[in-house]
Amino acid sequence: MNIVARLGLAVWVKDLKAARSSLSRLGNVHYISKRLKYIYIYIDFHSAEQMIKRIERMPFVLKVEPSKRKDISLDFEHNQLDAMG
């Protein structure tokens, strides 16, 4: 089994129904917020730039935000020692 690198995108939309059907063809829809009108989708990391441009051109899309997870430090032990003094 081969694990594929993925990138998470928060896609802010005007119309959830149109977005759900269109975005489900491009990647894995993980979460849909009806109240805040965004869809969280996972796409292939290697074709991310091309896919983001394609999503931004859709008529119902307001904004696309890539995940910041790679920028966050996950070294909690080191951070805890710094906080103690």
PDB file of N, CA and C in Angstrom:
ATOM      1  N   MET A   1       0.844  -1.183   0.000  1.00  0.00           N
ATOM      2  CA  MET A   1       0.000   0.000   0.000  1.00  0.00           C
ATOM      3  C   MET A   1       0.887   1.243   0.000  1.00  0.00           C
ATOM      4  N   ASN A   2       0.582   2.167  -0.869  1.00  0.00           N
ATOM      5  CA  ASN A   2       1.371   3.378  -1.034  1.00  0.00           C
ATOM      6  C   ASN A   2       0.621   4.568  -0.440  1.00  0.00           C
ATOM      7  N   ILE A   3       1.271   5.285   0.479  1.00  0.00           N
ATOM      8  CA  ILE A   3       0.650   6.449   1.104  1.00  0.00           C
ATOM      9  C   ILE A   3       0.969   7.683   0.272  1.00  0.00           C
ATOM     10  N   VAL A   4      -0.065   8.398  -0.122  1.00  0.00           N
ATOM     11  CA  VAL A   4       0.080   9.583  -0.965  1.00  0.00           C
ATOM     12  C   VAL A   4       0.081  10.831  -0.093  1.00  0.00           C
ATOM     13  N   ALA A   5       1.005  11.758  -0.361  1.00  0.00           N
ATOM     14  CA  ALA A   5       1.047  13.023   0.381  1.00  0.00           C
ATOM     15  C   ALA A   5      -0.179  13.855   0.006  1.00  0.00           C
ATOM     16  N   ARG A   6      -0.835  14.427   1.025  1.00  0.00           N
ATOM     17  CA  ARG A   6      -2.044  15.215   0.789  1.00  0.00           C
ATOM     18  C   ARG A   6      -1.868  16.616   1.345  1.00  0.00           C
ATOM     19  N   LEU A   7      -2.705  17.513   0.851  1.00  0.00           N
ATOM     20  CA  LEU A   7      -2.752  18.883   1.345  1.00  0.00           C
ATOM     21  C   LEU A   7      -4.202  19.214   1.650  1.00  0.00           C
ATOM     22  N   GLY A   8      -4.446  19.794   2.815  1.00  0.00           N
ATOM     23  CA  GLY A   8      -5.793  20.190   3.196  1.00  0.00           C
ATOM     24  C   GLY A   8      -6.077  21.605   2.730  1.00  0.00           C
ATOM     25  N   LEU A   9      -7.285  21.832   2.227  1.00  0.00           N
ATOM     26  CA  LEU A   9      -7.709  23.152   1.770  1.00  0.00           C
ATOM     27  C   LEU A   9      -9.034  23.522   2.424  1.00  0.00           C
ATOM     28  N   ALA A  10      -9.122  24.742   2.898  1.00  0.00           N
ATOM     29  CA  ALA A  10     -10.396  25.291   3.335  1.00  0.00           C
ATOM     30  C   ALA A  10     -10.908  26.134   2.175  1.00  0.00           C
ATOM     31  N   VAL A  11     -12.037  25.754   1.618  1.00  0.00           N
ATOM     32  CA  VAL A  11     -12.608  26.440   0.457  1.00  0.00           C
ATOM     33  C   VAL A  11     -13.878  27.149   0.908  1.00  0.00           C
ATOM     34  N   TRP A  12     -13.843  28.472   0.928  1.00  0.00           N
ATOM     35  CA  TRP A  12     -14.996  29.295   1.308  1.00  0.00           C
ATOM     36  C   TRP A  12     -15.875  29.481   0.079  1.00  0.00           C
ATOM     37  N   VAL A  13     -17.166  29.199   0.206  1.00  0.00           N
ATOM     38  CA  VAL A  13     -18.058  29.161  -0.957  1.00  0.00           C
ATOM     39  C   VAL A  13     -19.323  29.994  -0.746  1.00  0.00           C
ATOM     40  N   LYS A  14     -19.989  30.305  -1.866  1.00  0.00           N
ATOM     41  CA  LYS A  14     -21.285  30.994  -1.840  1.00  0.00           C
ATOM     42  C   LYS A  14     -22.430  29.987  -1.790  1.00  0.00           C
ATOM     43  N   ASP A  15     -22.279  28.873  -2.529  1.00  0.00           N
ATOM     44  CA  ASP A  15     -23.345  27.880  -2.677  1.00  0.00           C
ATOM     45  C   ASP A  15     -22.809  26.496  -2.302  1.00  0.00           C
ATOM     46  N   LEU A  16     -23.275  25.951  -1.182  1.00  0.00           N
ATOM     47  CA  LEU A  16     -22.762  24.666  -0.703  1.00  0.00           C
ATOM     48  C   LEU A  16     -23.134  23.493  -1.612  1.00  0.00           C
ATOM     49  N   LYS A  17     -24.332  23.513  -2.155  1.00  0.00           N
ATOM     50  CA  LYS A  17     -24.784  22.388  -2.979  1.00  0.00           C
ATOM     51  C   LYS A  17     -23.931  22.250  -4.240  1.00  0.00           C
ATOM     52  N   ALA A  18     -23.687  23.346  -4.921  1.00  0.00           N
ATOM     53  CA  ALA A  18     -22.849  23.311  -6.126  1.00  0.00           C
ATOM     54  C   ALA A  18     -21.411  22.950  -5.768  1.00  0.00           C
ATOM     55  N   ALA A  19     -20.934  23.464  -4.657  1.00  0.00           N
ATOM     56  CA  ALA A  19     -19.554  23.216  -4.240  1.00  0.00           C
ATOM     57  C   ALA A  19     -19.348  21.750  -3.881  1.00  0.00           C
ATOM     58  N   ARG A  20     -20.284  21.172  -3.161  1.00  0.00           N
ATOM     59  CA  ARG A  20     -20.149  19.779  -2.730  1.00  0.00           C
ATOM     60  C   ARG A  20     -19.993  18.848  -3.926  1.00  0.00           C
ATOM     61  N   SER A  21     -20.835  19.018  -4.928  1.00  0.00           N
ATOM     62  CA  SER A  21     -20.771  18.117  -6.079  1.00  0.00           C
ATOM     63  C   SER A  21     -19.512  18.345  -6.917  1.00  0.00           C
ATOM     64  N   SER A  22     -19.107  19.592  -7.091  1.00  0.00           N
ATOM     65  CA  SER A  22     -17.925  19.883  -7.906  1.00  0.00           C
ATOM     66  C   SER A  22     -16.623  19.517  -7.201  1.00  0.00           C
ATOM     67  N   LEU A  23     -16.513  19.836  -5.927  1.00  0.00           N
ATOM     68  CA  LEU A  23     -15.267  19.590  -5.207  1.00  0.00           C
ATOM     69  C   LEU A  23     -15.059  18.116  -4.892  1.00  0.00           C
ATOM     70  N   SER A  24     -16.132  17.351  -4.776  1.00  0.00           N
ATOM     71  CA  SER A  24     -15.977  15.925  -4.483  1.00  0.00           C
ATOM     72  C   SER A  24     -15.309  15.186  -5.642  1.00  0.00           C
ATOM     73  N   ARG A  25     -15.381  15.742  -6.846  1.00  0.00           N
ATOM     74  CA  ARG A  25     -14.703  15.141  -7.998  1.00  0.00           C
ATOM     75  C   ARG A  25     -13.207  15.441  -8.006  1.00  0.00           C
ATOM     76  N   LEU A  26     -12.787  16.496  -7.291  1.00  0.00           N
ATOM     77  CA  LEU A  26     -11.388  16.914  -7.318  1.00  0.00           C
ATOM     78  C   LEU A  26     -10.553  16.342  -6.177  1.00  0.00           C
ATOM     79  N   GLY A  27     -11.197  15.956  -5.083  1.00  0.00           N
ATOM     80  CA  GLY A  27     -10.471  15.435  -3.927  1.00  0.00           C
ATOM     81  C   GLY A  27     -11.420  14.813  -2.930  1.00  0.00           C
ATOM     82  N   ASN A  28     -10.915  14.561  -1.724  1.00  0.00           N
ATOM     83  CA  ASN A  28     -11.723  13.967  -0.662  1.00  0.00           C
ATOM     84  C   ASN A  28     -12.309  15.064   0.214  1.00  0.00           C
ATOM     85  N   VAL A  29     -13.630  15.192   0.188  1.00  0.00           N
ATOM     86  CA  VAL A  29     -14.305  16.176   1.028  1.00  0.00           C
ATOM     87  C   VAL A  29     -14.327  15.620   2.453  1.00  0.00           C
ATOM     88  N   HIS A  30     -13.719  16.362   3.386  1.00  0.00           N
ATOM     89  CA  HIS A  30     -13.601  15.897   4.765  1.00  0.00           C
ATOM     90  C   HIS A  30     -14.689  16.500   5.660  1.00  0.00           C
ATOM     91  N   TYR A  31     -15.004  17.778   5.462  1.00  0.00           N
ATOM     92  CA  TYR A  31     -15.959  18.449   6.336  1.00  0.00           C
ATOM     93  C   TYR A  31     -16.677  19.554   5.570  1.00  0.00           C
ATOM     94  N   ILE A  32     -17.954  19.734   5.867  1.00  0.00           N
ATOM     95  CA  ILE A  32     -18.755  20.803   5.282  1.00  0.00           C
ATOM     96  C   ILE A  32     -19.416  21.582   6.413  1.00  0.00           C
ATOM     97  N   SER A  33     -19.153  22.889   6.485  1.00  0.00           N
ATOM     98  CA  SER A  33     -19.760  23.740   7.496  1.00  0.00           C
ATOM     99  C   SER A  33     -20.901  24.522   6.850  1.00  0.00           C
ATOM    100  N   LYS A  34     -22.123  24.196   7.240  1.00  0.00           N
ATOM    101  CA  LYS A  34     -23.276  24.892   6.674  1.00  0.00           C
ATOM    102  C   LYS A  34     -23.389  26.313   7.211  1.00  0.00           C
ATOM    103  N   ARG A  35     -23.041  26.488   8.480  1.00  0.00           N
ATOM    104  CA  ARG A  35     -23.168  27.810   9.099  1.00  0.00           C
ATOM    105  C   ARG A  35     -22.118  28.793   8.572  1.00  0.00           C
ATOM    106  N   LEU A  36     -20.872  28.360   8.477  1.00  0.00           N
ATOM    107  CA  LEU A  36     -19.796  29.253   8.031  1.00  0.00           C
ATOM    108  C   LEU A  36     -19.539  29.188   6.523  1.00  0.00           C
ATOM    109  N   LYS A  37     -20.199  28.265   5.846  1.00  0.00           N
ATOM    110  CA  LYS A  37     -20.121  28.101   4.391  1.00  0.00           C
ATOM    111  C   LYS A  37     -18.690  27.883   3.898  1.00  0.00           C
ATOM    112  N   TYR A  38     -18.083  26.815   4.408  1.00  0.00           N
ATOM    113  CA  TYR A  38     -16.796  26.396   3.863  1.00  0.00           C
ATOM    114  C   TYR A  38     -16.762  24.878   3.791  1.00  0.00           C
ATOM    115  N   ILE A  39     -15.887  24.388   2.930  1.00  0.00           N
ATOM    116  CA  ILE A  39     -15.696  22.958   2.752  1.00  0.00           C
ATOM    117  C   ILE A  39     -14.215  22.674   2.930  1.00  0.00           C
ATOM    118  N   TYR A  40     -13.887  21.653   3.739  1.00  0.00           N
ATOM    119  CA  TYR A  40     -12.506  21.246   3.923  1.00  0.00           C
ATOM    120  C   TYR A  40     -12.277  20.025   3.057  1.00  0.00           C
ATOM    121  N   ILE A  41     -11.295  20.112   2.178  1.00  0.00           N
ATOM    122  CA  ILE A  41     -11.042  19.075   1.191  1.00  0.00           C
ATOM    123  C   ILE A  41      -9.566  18.708   1.203  1.00  0.00           C
ATOM    124  N   TYR A  42      -9.265  17.437   0.996  1.00  0.00           N
ATOM    125  CA  TYR A  42      -7.887  16.973   0.845  1.00  0.00           C
ATOM    126  C   TYR A  42      -7.620  16.701  -0.630  1.00  0.00           C
ATOM    127  N   ILE A  43      -6.477  17.212  -1.109  1.00  0.00           N
ATOM    128  CA  ILE A  43      -6.073  16.996  -2.501  1.00  0.00           C
ATOM    129  C   ILE A  43      -4.660  16.422  -2.518  1.00  0.00           C
ATOM    130  N   ASP A  44      -4.222  15.940  -3.669  1.00  0.00           N
ATOM    131  CA  ASP A  44      -2.882  15.405  -3.856  1.00  0.00           C
ATOM    132  C   ASP A  44      -1.868  16.540  -3.729  1.00  0.00           C
ATOM    133  N   PHE A  45      -0.845  16.354  -2.894  1.00  0.00           N
ATOM    134  CA  PHE A  45       0.135  17.402  -2.613  1.00  0.00           C
ATOM    135  C   PHE A  45       0.937  17.789  -3.864  1.00  0.00           C
ATOM    136  N   HIS A  46       1.237  16.814  -4.719  1.00  0.00           N
ATOM    137  CA  HIS A  46       2.099  17.066  -5.873  1.00  0.00           C
ATOM    138  C   HIS A  46       1.426  17.908  -6.960  1.00  0.00           C
ATOM    139  N   SER A  47       0.114  17.877  -7.037  1.00  0.00           N
ATOM    140  CA  SER A  47      -0.602  18.687  -8.028  1.00  0.00           C
ATOM    141  C   SER A  47      -1.376  19.822  -7.356  1.00  0.00           C
ATOM    142  N   ALA A  48      -0.931  20.250  -6.178  1.00  0.00           N
ATOM    143  CA  ALA A  48      -1.683  21.215  -5.368  1.00  0.00           C
ATOM    144  C   ALA A  48      -1.809  22.584  -6.031  1.00  0.00           C
ATOM    145  N   GLU A  49      -0.711  23.127  -6.560  1.00  0.00           N
ATOM    146  CA  GLU A  49      -0.771  24.471  -7.166  1.00  0.00           C
ATOM    147  C   GLU A  49      -1.766  24.513  -8.317  1.00  0.00           C
ATOM    148  N   GLN A  50      -1.689  23.534  -9.170  1.00  0.00           N
ATOM    149  CA  GLN A  50      -2.590  23.460 -10.328  1.00  0.00           C
ATOM    150  C   GLN A  50      -4.045  23.307  -9.873  1.00  0.00           C
ATOM    151  N   MET A  51      -4.266  22.474  -8.854  1.00  0.00           N
ATOM    152  CA  MET A  51      -5.619  22.226  -8.363  1.00  0.00           C
ATOM    153  C   MET A  51      -6.192  23.463  -7.667  1.00  0.00           C
ATOM    154  N   ILE A  52      -5.373  24.203  -6.910  1.00  0.00           N
ATOM    155  CA  ILE A  52      -5.841  25.416  -6.234  1.00  0.00           C
ATOM    156  C   ILE A  52      -6.276  26.450  -7.266  1.00  0.00           C
ATOM    157  N   LYS A  53      -5.499  26.625  -8.326  1.00  0.00           N
ATOM    158  CA  LYS A  53      -5.873  27.572  -9.387  1.00  0.00           C
ATOM    159  C   LYS A  53      -7.189  27.163 -10.034  1.00  0.00           C
ATOM    160  N   ARG A  54      -7.360  25.863 -10.225  1.00  0.00           N
ATOM    161  CA  ARG A  54      -8.596  25.354 -10.832  1.00  0.00           C
ATOM    162  C   ARG A  54      -9.798  25.615  -9.925  1.00  0.00           C
ATOM    163  N   ILE A  55      -9.622  25.412  -8.618  1.00  0.00           N
ATOM    164  CA  ILE A  55     -10.711  25.634  -7.661  1.00  0.00           C
ATOM    165  C   ILE A  55     -11.054  27.118  -7.565  1.00  0.00           C
ATOM    166  N   GLU A  56     -10.033  27.986  -7.553  1.00  0.00           N
ATOM    167  CA  GLU A  56     -10.264  29.435  -7.449  1.00  0.00           C
ATOM    168  C   GLU A  56     -11.052  29.987  -8.631  1.00  0.00           C
ATOM    169  N   ARG A  57     -10.969  29.352  -9.790  1.00  0.00           N
ATOM    170  CA  ARG A  57     -11.698  29.816 -10.974  1.00  0.00           C
ATOM    171  C   ARG A  57     -13.173  29.418 -10.972  1.00  0.00           C
ATOM    172  N   MET A  58     -13.580  28.563 -10.051  1.00  0.00           N
ATOM    173  CA  MET A  58     -14.984  28.137 -10.007  1.00  0.00           C
ATOM    174  C   MET A  58     -15.862  29.309  -9.566  1.00  0.00           C
ATOM    175  N   PRO A  59     -17.049  29.455 -10.152  1.00  0.00           N
ATOM    176  CA  PRO A  59     -17.879  30.647  -9.896  1.00  0.00           C
ATOM    177  C   PRO A  59     -18.411  30.782  -8.471  1.00  0.00           C
ATOM    178  N   PHE A  60     -18.551  29.685  -7.739  1.00  0.00           N
ATOM    179  CA  PHE A  60     -19.118  29.733  -6.397  1.00  0.00           C
ATOM    180  C   PHE A  60     -18.062  29.879  -5.303  1.00  0.00           C
ATOM    181  N   VAL A  61     -16.774  29.913  -5.658  1.00  0.00           N
ATOM    182  CA  VAL A  61     -15.689  29.958  -4.673  1.00  0.00           C
ATOM    183  C   VAL A  61     -15.345  31.405  -4.331  1.00  0.00           C
ATOM    184  N   LEU A  62     -15.272  31.698  -3.033  1.00  0.00           N
ATOM    185  CA  LEU A  62     -14.878  33.023  -2.556  1.00  0.00           C
ATOM    186  C   LEU A  62     -13.381  33.088  -2.266  1.00  0.00           C
ATOM    187  N   LYS A  63     -12.863  32.058  -1.577  1.00  0.00           N
ATOM    188  CA  LYS A  63     -11.458  32.072  -1.173  1.00  0.00           C
ATOM    189  C   LYS A  63     -10.993  30.639  -0.913  1.00  0.00           C
ATOM    190  N   VAL A  64      -9.703  30.372  -1.186  1.00  0.00           N
ATOM    191  CA  VAL A  64      -9.100  29.071  -0.914  1.00  0.00           C
ATOM    192  C   VAL A  64      -7.907  29.287   0.010  1.00  0.00           C
ATOM    193  N   GLU A  65      -7.891  28.577   1.137  1.00  0.00           N
ATOM    194  CA  GLU A  65      -6.793  28.680   2.097  1.00  0.00           C
ATOM    195  C   GLU A  65      -6.138  27.321   2.276  1.00  0.00           C
ATOM    196  N   PRO A  66      -4.857  27.183   1.913  1.00  0.00           N
ATOM    197  CA  PRO A  66      -4.161  25.912   2.159  1.00  0.00           C
ATOM    198  C   PRO A  66      -3.876  25.727   3.655  1.00  0.00           C
ATOM    199  N   SER A  67      -3.746  24.492   4.064  1.00  0.00           N
ATOM    200  CA  SER A  67      -3.465  24.167   5.460  1.00  0.00           C
ATOM    201  C   SER A  67      -2.089  24.691   5.869  1.00  0.00           C
ATOM    202  N   LYS A  68      -1.987  25.149   7.106  1.00  0.00           N
ATOM    203  CA  LYS A  68      -0.727  25.655   7.656  1.00  0.00           C
ATOM    204  C   LYS A  68      -0.047  24.602   8.536  1.00  0.00           C
ATOM    205  N   ARG A  69      -0.480  23.378   8.459  1.00  0.00           N
ATOM    206  CA  ARG A  69       0.011  22.331   9.353  1.00  0.00           C
ATOM    207  C   ARG A  69       1.511  22.121   9.244  1.00  0.00           C
ATOM    208  N   LYS A  70       2.080  22.201   8.053  1.00  0.00           N
ATOM    209  CA  LYS A  70       3.517  21.995   7.879  1.00  0.00           C
ATOM    210  C   LYS A  70       4.337  23.108   8.520  1.00  0.00           C
ATOM    211  N   ASP A  71       3.740  24.271   8.746  1.00  0.00           N
ATOM    212  CA  ASP A  71       4.443  25.408   9.351  1.00  0.00           C
ATOM    213  C   ASP A  71       4.419  25.365  10.874  1.00  0.00           C
ATOM    214  N   ILE A  72       3.591  24.516  11.467  1.00  0.00           N
ATOM    215  CA  ILE A  72       3.433  24.457  12.918  1.00  0.00           C
ATOM    216  C   ILE A  72       4.435  23.468  13.507  1.00  0.00           C
ATOM    217  N   SER A  73       5.119  23.886  14.551  1.00  0.00           N
ATOM    218  CA  SER A  73       6.054  23.008  15.244  1.00  0.00           C
ATOM    219  C   SER A  73       5.282  22.000  16.092  1.00  0.00           C
ATOM    220  N   LEU A  74       5.618  20.722  15.949  1.00  0.00           N
ATOM    221  CA  LEU A  74       4.954  19.678  16.721  1.00  0.00           C
ATOM    222  C   LEU A  74       5.869  19.140  17.816  1.00  0.00           C
ATOM    223  N   ASP A  75       6.919  19.882  18.148  1.00  0.00           N
ATOM    224  CA  ASP A  75       7.850  19.506  19.200  1.00  0.00           C
ATOM    225  C   ASP A  75       7.350  20.077  20.522  1.00  0.00           C
ATOM    226  N   PHE A  76       6.380  19.383  21.139  1.00  0.00           N
ATOM    227  CA  PHE A  76       5.725  19.897  22.327  1.00  0.00           C
ATOM    228  C   PHE A  76       6.602  19.821  23.569  1.00  0.00           C
ATOM    229  N   GLU A  77       7.470  18.842  23.637  1.00  0.00           N
ATOM    230  CA  GLU A  77       8.344  18.706  24.794  1.00  0.00           C
ATOM    231  C   GLU A  77       9.288  19.896  24.899  1.00  0.00           C
ATOM    232  N   HIS A  78       9.847  20.305  23.790  1.00  0.00           N
ATOM    233  CA  HIS A  78      10.770  21.445  23.766  1.00  0.00           C
ATOM    234  C   HIS A  78      10.034  22.738  24.122  1.00  0.00           C
ATOM    235  N   ASN A  79       8.833  22.914  23.614  1.00  0.00           N
ATOM    236  CA  ASN A  79       8.040  24.104  23.909  1.00  0.00           C
ATOM    237  C   ASN A  79       7.638  24.164  25.385  1.00  0.00           C
ATOM    238  N   GLN A  80       7.377  23.027  25.992  1.00  0.00           N
ATOM    239  CA  GLN A  80       6.978  22.972  27.388  1.00  0.00           C
ATOM    240  C   GLN A  80       8.146  23.399  28.300  1.00  0.00           C
ATOM    241  N   LEU A  81       9.365  22.985  27.963  1.00  0.00           N
ATOM    242  CA  LEU A  81      10.527  23.367  28.769  1.00  0.00           C
ATOM    243  C   LEU A  81      10.795  24.858  28.670  1.00  0.00           C
ATOM    244  N   ASP A  82      10.578  25.456  27.500  1.00  0.00           N
ATOM    245  CA  ASP A  82      10.755  26.900  27.335  1.00  0.00           C
ATOM    246  C   ASP A  82       9.741  27.686  28.165  1.00  0.00           C
ATOM    247  N   ALA A  83       8.530  27.188  28.276  1.00  0.00           N
ATOM    248  CA  ALA A  83       7.472  27.883  29.000  1.00  0.00           C
ATOM    249  C   ALA A  83       7.709  27.851  30.510  1.00  0.00           C
ATOM    250  N   MET A  84       8.379  26.807  30.982  1.00  0.00           N
ATOM    251  CA  MET A  84       8.628  26.695  32.423  1.00  0.00           C
ATOM    252  C   MET A  84       9.732  27.632  32.905  1.00  0.00           C
ATOM    253  N   GLY A  85      10.586  28.060  32.039  1.00  0.00           N
ATOM    254  CA  GLY A  85      11.597  29.018  32.460  1.00  0.00           C
ATOM    255  C   GLY A  85      12.921  28.534  32.172  1.00  0.00           C
TER     256      GLY A  85
END
